[in-house]
Amino acid sequence: QVQLVESGGGLVQPGGSLRLSCAASGSILSFIDMDWYRQAPGKERELVAHITSGGSTNYADSVKGRFTISRDNTKNTVYLQMNSLKPEDAAVYYCNGRSKYYSSWGQGTQVTVSS
């Protein structure tokens, strides 16, 4: 199975930006879809952004216009560019890849938005 590793989280002030990366141990073309989820303390894990193998994207209403998901098939990496960050964006962000046969999750990367 292809494994996923997230990176790029950290502490940022409100209004700031971060770019998360999700590096795969194999080809991300093996995944039908790839997604970014997040989970804040005491809350359910929620889907933030979605990208298909063809490059089509969808976003949660709460991040539309601020977050951008993209993929680089040559680097086997999916990115989440996060701009205009708000305190409510603080969470552990997880990368997920779904193939025909299995779903792969990364270990998560912490994003903290605070002044």
N, C-alpha and C. Protein backbone atom coordinates (compact mmCIF):
# COMPACT_ATOMS: atom_id res chain seq x y z
N GLN A 1 0.83 -1.19 0.00
CA GLN A 1 0.00 0.00 0.00
C GLN A 1 0.87 1.25 0.00
N VAL A 2 0.38 2.26 -0.67
CA VAL A 2 1.09 3.53 -0.70
C VAL A 2 0.84 4.26 0.62
N GLN A 3 1.92 4.71 1.25
CA GLN A 3 1.80 5.43 2.51
C GLN A 3 1.93 6.93 2.28
N LEU A 4 1.30 7.68 3.19
CA LEU A 4 1.25 9.14 3.06
C LEU A 4 1.88 9.81 4.27
N VAL A 5 2.62 10.87 4.05
CA VAL A 5 3.25 11.62 5.14
C VAL A 5 3.00 13.10 4.93
N GLU A 6 2.33 13.72 5.91
CA GLU A 6 2.05 15.15 5.84
C GLU A 6 3.18 15.96 6.47
N SER A 7 3.32 17.18 6.01
CA SER A 7 4.27 18.12 6.60
C SER A 7 3.81 19.54 6.31
N GLY A 8 4.43 20.50 6.98
CA GLY A 8 4.15 21.89 6.69
C GLY A 8 3.30 22.61 7.72
N GLY A 9 2.80 21.88 8.71
CA GLY A 9 2.02 22.52 9.75
C GLY A 9 2.88 23.40 10.65
N GLY A 10 2.21 24.15 11.49
CA GLY A 10 2.94 25.01 12.41
C GLY A 10 2.05 26.07 13.01
N LEU A 11 2.69 27.05 13.62
CA LEU A 11 1.98 28.17 14.24
C LEU A 11 1.97 29.36 13.29
N VAL A 12 0.81 29.93 13.08
CA VAL A 12 0.70 31.09 12.19
C VAL A 12 -0.29 32.07 12.80
N GLN A 13 -0.08 33.34 12.55
CA GLN A 13 -1.01 34.36 13.05
C GLN A 13 -2.26 34.40 12.19
N PRO A 14 -3.36 34.85 12.76
CA PRO A 14 -4.57 35.03 11.94
C PRO A 14 -4.26 35.92 10.73
N GLY A 15 -4.79 35.49 9.58
CA GLY A 15 -4.52 36.21 8.34
C GLY A 15 -3.31 35.69 7.59
N GLY A 16 -2.54 34.83 8.23
CA GLY A 16 -1.34 34.29 7.62
C GLY A 16 -1.62 33.12 6.70
N SER A 17 -0.53 32.54 6.17
CA SER A 17 -0.62 31.45 5.21
C SER A 17 0.29 30.30 5.61
N LEU A 18 -0.12 29.11 5.19
CA LEU A 18 0.70 27.91 5.31
C LEU A 18 0.46 27.06 4.09
N ARG A 19 1.47 26.27 3.72
CA ARG A 19 1.28 25.27 2.68
C ARG A 19 1.61 23.91 3.26
N LEU A 20 0.60 23.05 3.25
CA LEU A 20 0.79 21.67 3.69
C LEU A 20 1.15 20.79 2.51
N SER A 21 1.98 19.80 2.78
CA SER A 21 2.36 18.83 1.76
C SER A 21 2.00 17.43 2.23
N CYS A 22 1.64 16.60 1.28
CA CYS A 22 1.34 15.19 1.54
C CYS A 22 2.16 14.38 0.55
N ALA A 23 3.21 13.77 1.03
CA ALA A 23 4.11 13.01 0.16
C ALA A 23 3.75 11.53 0.23
N ALA A 24 3.65 10.93 -0.95
CA ALA A 24 3.29 9.51 -1.05
C ALA A 24 4.54 8.66 -1.27
N SER A 25 4.50 7.44 -0.75
CA SER A 25 5.63 6.52 -0.90
C SER A 25 5.65 5.87 -2.28
N GLY A 26 4.55 6.04 -3.02
CA GLY A 26 4.47 5.52 -4.37
C GLY A 26 3.69 6.48 -5.23
N SER A 27 3.25 6.02 -6.36
CA SER A 27 2.55 6.91 -7.29
C SER A 27 1.17 7.30 -6.77
N ILE A 28 0.90 8.61 -6.76
CA ILE A 28 -0.43 9.06 -6.34
C ILE A 28 -1.46 8.79 -7.45
N LEU A 29 -1.01 8.42 -8.61
CA LEU A 29 -1.94 8.05 -9.66
C LEU A 29 -2.66 6.75 -9.33
N SER A 30 -2.18 6.03 -8.32
CA SER A 30 -2.87 4.83 -7.88
C SER A 30 -4.14 5.16 -7.09
N PHE A 31 -4.26 6.43 -6.69
CA PHE A 31 -5.45 6.86 -5.96
C PHE A 31 -6.47 7.47 -6.90
N ILE A 32 -7.74 7.12 -6.67
CA ILE A 32 -8.83 7.71 -7.45
C ILE A 32 -9.02 9.16 -7.04
N ASP A 33 -9.01 9.36 -5.72
CA ASP A 33 -9.17 10.70 -5.15
C ASP A 33 -8.13 10.91 -4.06
N MET A 34 -7.83 12.17 -3.80
CA MET A 34 -7.03 12.51 -2.64
C MET A 34 -7.69 13.68 -1.94
N ASP A 35 -7.66 13.65 -0.63
CA ASP A 35 -8.38 14.63 0.16
C ASP A 35 -7.53 15.15 1.31
N TRP A 36 -7.87 16.33 1.75
CA TRP A 36 -7.39 16.85 3.03
C TRP A 36 -8.58 16.92 3.98
N TYR A 37 -8.38 16.37 5.17
CA TYR A 37 -9.35 16.44 6.25
C TYR A 37 -8.71 17.21 7.40
N ARG A 38 -9.54 17.64 8.33
CA ARG A 38 -9.02 18.22 9.55
C ARG A 38 -9.89 17.81 10.73
N GLN A 39 -9.26 17.81 11.89
CA GLN A 39 -9.99 17.49 13.11
C GLN A 39 -9.50 18.38 14.23
N ALA A 40 -10.42 19.17 14.76
CA ALA A 40 -10.13 20.03 15.90
C ALA A 40 -10.52 19.28 17.18
N PRO A 41 -9.93 19.65 18.31
CA PRO A 41 -10.25 18.98 19.58
C PRO A 41 -11.75 18.98 19.86
N GLY A 42 -12.29 17.83 20.17
CA GLY A 42 -13.70 17.72 20.51
C GLY A 42 -14.66 17.76 19.33
N LYS A 43 -14.11 17.77 18.12
CA LYS A 43 -14.95 17.86 16.93
C LYS A 43 -14.74 16.64 16.03
N GLU A 44 -15.70 16.42 15.15
CA GLU A 44 -15.59 15.35 14.17
C GLU A 44 -14.56 15.72 13.11
N ARG A 45 -13.95 14.69 12.53
CA ARG A 45 -13.07 14.93 11.39
C ARG A 45 -13.91 15.38 10.21
N GLU A 46 -13.48 16.44 9.54
CA GLU A 46 -14.26 16.98 8.43
C GLU A 46 -13.42 17.08 7.16
N LEU A 47 -14.10 16.90 6.05
CA LEU A 47 -13.44 17.03 4.76
C LEU A 47 -13.24 18.50 4.43
N VAL A 48 -12.03 18.85 4.07
CA VAL A 48 -11.69 20.24 3.77
C VAL A 48 -11.58 20.47 2.26
N ALA A 49 -10.87 19.57 1.59
CA ALA A 49 -10.63 19.76 0.16
C ALA A 49 -10.43 18.40 -0.50
N HIS A 50 -10.80 18.32 -1.78
CA HIS A 50 -10.83 17.06 -2.51
C HIS A 50 -10.28 17.31 -3.91
N ILE A 51 -9.47 16.37 -4.39
CA ILE A 51 -9.00 16.47 -5.76
C ILE A 51 -9.01 15.09 -6.38
N THR A 52 -9.51 15.01 -7.61
CA THR A 52 -9.55 13.74 -8.31
C THR A 52 -8.24 13.51 -9.07
N SER A 53 -8.10 12.32 -9.61
CA SER A 53 -6.91 12.02 -10.40
C SER A 53 -6.86 12.90 -11.65
N GLY A 54 -8.01 13.37 -12.09
CA GLY A 54 -8.06 14.26 -13.24
C GLY A 54 -7.86 15.72 -12.91
N GLY A 55 -7.79 16.03 -11.61
CA GLY A 55 -7.52 17.40 -11.21
C GLY A 55 -8.74 18.21 -10.81
N SER A 56 -9.93 17.62 -10.85
CA SER A 56 -11.13 18.34 -10.40
C SER A 56 -11.08 18.50 -8.89
N THR A 57 -11.55 19.65 -8.43
CA THR A 57 -11.46 19.96 -6.99
C THR A 57 -12.81 20.34 -6.40
N ASN A 58 -12.93 20.13 -5.09
CA ASN A 58 -14.08 20.58 -4.32
C ASN A 58 -13.59 21.01 -2.95
N TYR A 59 -14.33 21.93 -2.35
CA TYR A 59 -13.93 22.47 -1.04
C TYR A 59 -15.11 22.57 -0.10
N ALA A 60 -14.80 22.47 1.19
CA ALA A 60 -15.80 22.79 2.19
C ALA A 60 -16.15 24.27 2.08
N ASP A 61 -17.40 24.60 2.36
CA ASP A 61 -17.83 26.00 2.26
C ASP A 61 -16.97 26.91 3.14
N SER A 62 -16.54 26.39 4.27
CA SER A 62 -15.80 27.21 5.24
C SER A 62 -14.42 27.63 4.74
N VAL A 63 -13.90 26.96 3.69
CA VAL A 63 -12.56 27.29 3.22
C VAL A 63 -12.54 27.77 1.77
N LYS A 64 -13.68 27.78 1.11
CA LYS A 64 -13.73 28.22 -0.28
C LYS A 64 -13.18 29.63 -0.43
N GLY A 65 -12.34 29.80 -1.43
CA GLY A 65 -11.75 31.10 -1.68
C GLY A 65 -10.50 31.38 -0.87
N ARG A 66 -10.21 30.51 0.11
CA ARG A 66 -9.01 30.71 0.95
C ARG A 66 -8.01 29.57 0.80
N PHE A 67 -8.50 28.36 0.60
CA PHE A 67 -7.64 27.18 0.49
C PHE A 67 -7.63 26.69 -0.96
N THR A 68 -6.49 26.14 -1.36
CA THR A 68 -6.35 25.56 -2.69
C THR A 68 -5.64 24.22 -2.59
N ILE A 69 -6.27 23.18 -3.11
CA ILE A 69 -5.65 21.87 -3.17
C ILE A 69 -5.06 21.68 -4.57
N SER A 70 -3.89 21.06 -4.62
CA SER A 70 -3.26 20.81 -5.91
C SER A 70 -2.44 19.53 -5.80
N ARG A 71 -2.02 19.03 -6.93
CA ARG A 71 -1.24 17.80 -6.94
C ARG A 71 -0.12 17.90 -7.96
N ASP A 72 1.00 17.30 -7.64
CA ASP A 72 2.13 17.20 -8.57
C ASP A 72 2.42 15.71 -8.73
N ASN A 73 1.93 15.16 -9.83
CA ASN A 73 2.07 13.72 -10.04
C ASN A 73 3.53 13.31 -10.23
N THR A 74 4.37 14.23 -10.69
CA THR A 74 5.79 13.90 -10.88
C THR A 74 6.52 13.78 -9.55
N LYS A 75 6.01 14.48 -8.53
CA LYS A 75 6.62 14.42 -7.21
C LYS A 75 5.82 13.55 -6.25
N ASN A 76 4.71 12.99 -6.74
CA ASN A 76 3.84 12.17 -5.90
C ASN A 76 3.46 12.89 -4.61
N THR A 77 3.05 14.13 -4.79
CA THR A 77 2.75 14.98 -3.65
C THR A 77 1.46 15.77 -3.91
N VAL A 78 0.66 15.90 -2.86
CA VAL A 78 -0.54 16.74 -2.88
C VAL A 78 -0.32 17.88 -1.89
N TYR A 79 -0.78 19.05 -2.27
CA TYR A 79 -0.56 20.25 -1.45
C TYR A 79 -1.89 20.85 -1.02
N LEU A 80 -1.84 21.58 0.08
CA LEU A 80 -2.97 22.39 0.50
C LEU A 80 -2.43 23.77 0.85
N GLN A 81 -2.67 24.72 -0.02
CA GLN A 81 -2.28 26.10 0.23
C GLN A 81 -3.40 26.76 1.03
N MET A 82 -3.05 27.27 2.19
CA MET A 82 -4.05 27.86 3.08
C MET A 82 -3.71 29.33 3.29
N ASN A 83 -4.60 30.21 2.87
CA ASN A 83 -4.42 31.65 3.00
C ASN A 83 -5.50 32.23 3.92
N SER A 84 -5.26 33.42 4.39
CA SER A 84 -6.23 34.12 5.25
C SER A 84 -6.71 33.22 6.38
N LEU A 85 -5.77 32.61 7.05
CA LEU A 85 -6.12 31.65 8.10
C LEU A 85 -6.83 32.32 9.26
N LYS A 86 -7.77 31.58 9.82
CA LYS A 86 -8.58 32.03 10.94
C LYS A 86 -8.34 31.12 12.14
N PRO A 87 -8.60 31.59 13.33
CA PRO A 87 -8.44 30.72 14.51
C PRO A 87 -9.24 29.42 14.39
N GLU A 88 -10.38 29.48 13.74
CA GLU A 88 -11.21 28.28 13.60
C GLU A 88 -10.65 27.28 12.60
N ASP A 89 -9.58 27.63 11.89
CA ASP A 89 -8.91 26.68 11.01
C ASP A 89 -7.93 25.80 11.77
N ALA A 90 -7.66 26.12 13.02
CA ALA A 90 -6.71 25.35 13.81
C ALA A 90 -7.22 23.92 14.00
N ALA A 91 -6.35 22.97 13.70
CA ALA A 91 -6.74 21.55 13.76
C ALA A 91 -5.53 20.70 13.39
N VAL A 92 -5.69 19.40 13.52
CA VAL A 92 -4.75 18.47 12.91
C VAL A 92 -5.27 18.18 11.51
N TYR A 93 -4.41 18.36 10.53
CA TYR A 93 -4.79 18.16 9.14
C TYR A 93 -4.24 16.81 8.65
N TYR A 94 -5.12 16.05 8.03
CA TYR A 94 -4.78 14.72 7.56
C TYR A 94 -4.95 14.63 6.05
N CYS A 95 -4.05 13.89 5.44
CA CYS A 95 -4.15 13.58 4.02
C CYS A 95 -4.74 12.18 3.87
N ASN A 96 -5.59 12.01 2.88
CA ASN A 96 -6.19 10.70 2.60
C ASN A 96 -6.15 10.42 1.11
N GLY A 97 -5.80 9.19 0.78
CA GLY A 97 -5.83 8.74 -0.59
C GLY A 97 -6.73 7.52 -0.69
N ARG A 98 -7.63 7.53 -1.69
CA ARG A 98 -8.56 6.41 -1.84
C ARG A 98 -8.34 5.74 -3.20
N SER A 99 -7.97 4.46 -3.11
CA SER A 99 -7.83 3.69 -4.34
C SER A 99 -9.04 2.79 -4.48
N LYS A 100 -9.02 1.95 -5.49
CA LYS A 100 -10.13 1.01 -5.69
C LYS A 100 -10.18 0.00 -4.55
N TYR A 101 -9.01 -0.25 -3.92
CA TYR A 101 -8.94 -1.36 -2.97
C TYR A 101 -8.71 -0.96 -1.52
N TYR A 102 -8.24 0.24 -1.29
CA TYR A 102 -7.96 0.63 0.10
C TYR A 102 -7.94 2.14 0.21
N SER A 103 -7.94 2.58 1.48
CA SER A 103 -7.83 4.00 1.80
C SER A 103 -6.60 4.18 2.68
N SER A 104 -5.79 5.15 2.34
CA SER A 104 -4.56 5.38 3.09
C SER A 104 -4.61 6.74 3.77
N TRP A 105 -4.19 6.78 5.04
CA TRP A 105 -4.17 8.01 5.82
C TRP A 105 -2.75 8.33 6.26
N GLY A 106 -2.45 9.61 6.33
CA GLY A 106 -1.21 10.05 6.93
C GLY A 106 -1.37 10.20 8.43
N GLN A 107 -0.30 10.59 9.09
CA GLN A 107 -0.31 10.69 10.55
C GLN A 107 -0.83 12.04 11.04
N GLY A 108 -0.94 12.99 10.13
CA GLY A 108 -1.47 14.30 10.49
C GLY A 108 -0.38 15.33 10.76
N THR A 109 -0.73 16.58 10.55
CA THR A 109 0.17 17.69 10.86
C THR A 109 -0.65 18.78 11.56
N GLN A 110 -0.09 19.33 12.64
CA GLN A 110 -0.83 20.28 13.47
C GLN A 110 -0.74 21.68 12.88
N VAL A 111 -1.88 22.33 12.78
CA VAL A 111 -1.94 23.74 12.39
C VAL A 111 -2.54 24.53 13.55
N THR A 112 -1.81 25.52 14.01
CA THR A 112 -2.26 26.38 15.10
C THR A 112 -2.33 27.81 14.58
N VAL A 113 -3.48 28.44 14.77
CA VAL A 113 -3.68 29.82 14.32
C VAL A 113 -3.94 30.67 15.55
N SER A 114 -2.98 31.49 15.88
CA SER A 114 -3.09 32.27 17.11
C SER A 114 -2.16 33.48 17.04
N SER A 115 -2.60 34.55 17.68
CA SER A 115 -1.75 35.74 17.76
C SER A 115 -0.92 35.71 19.04
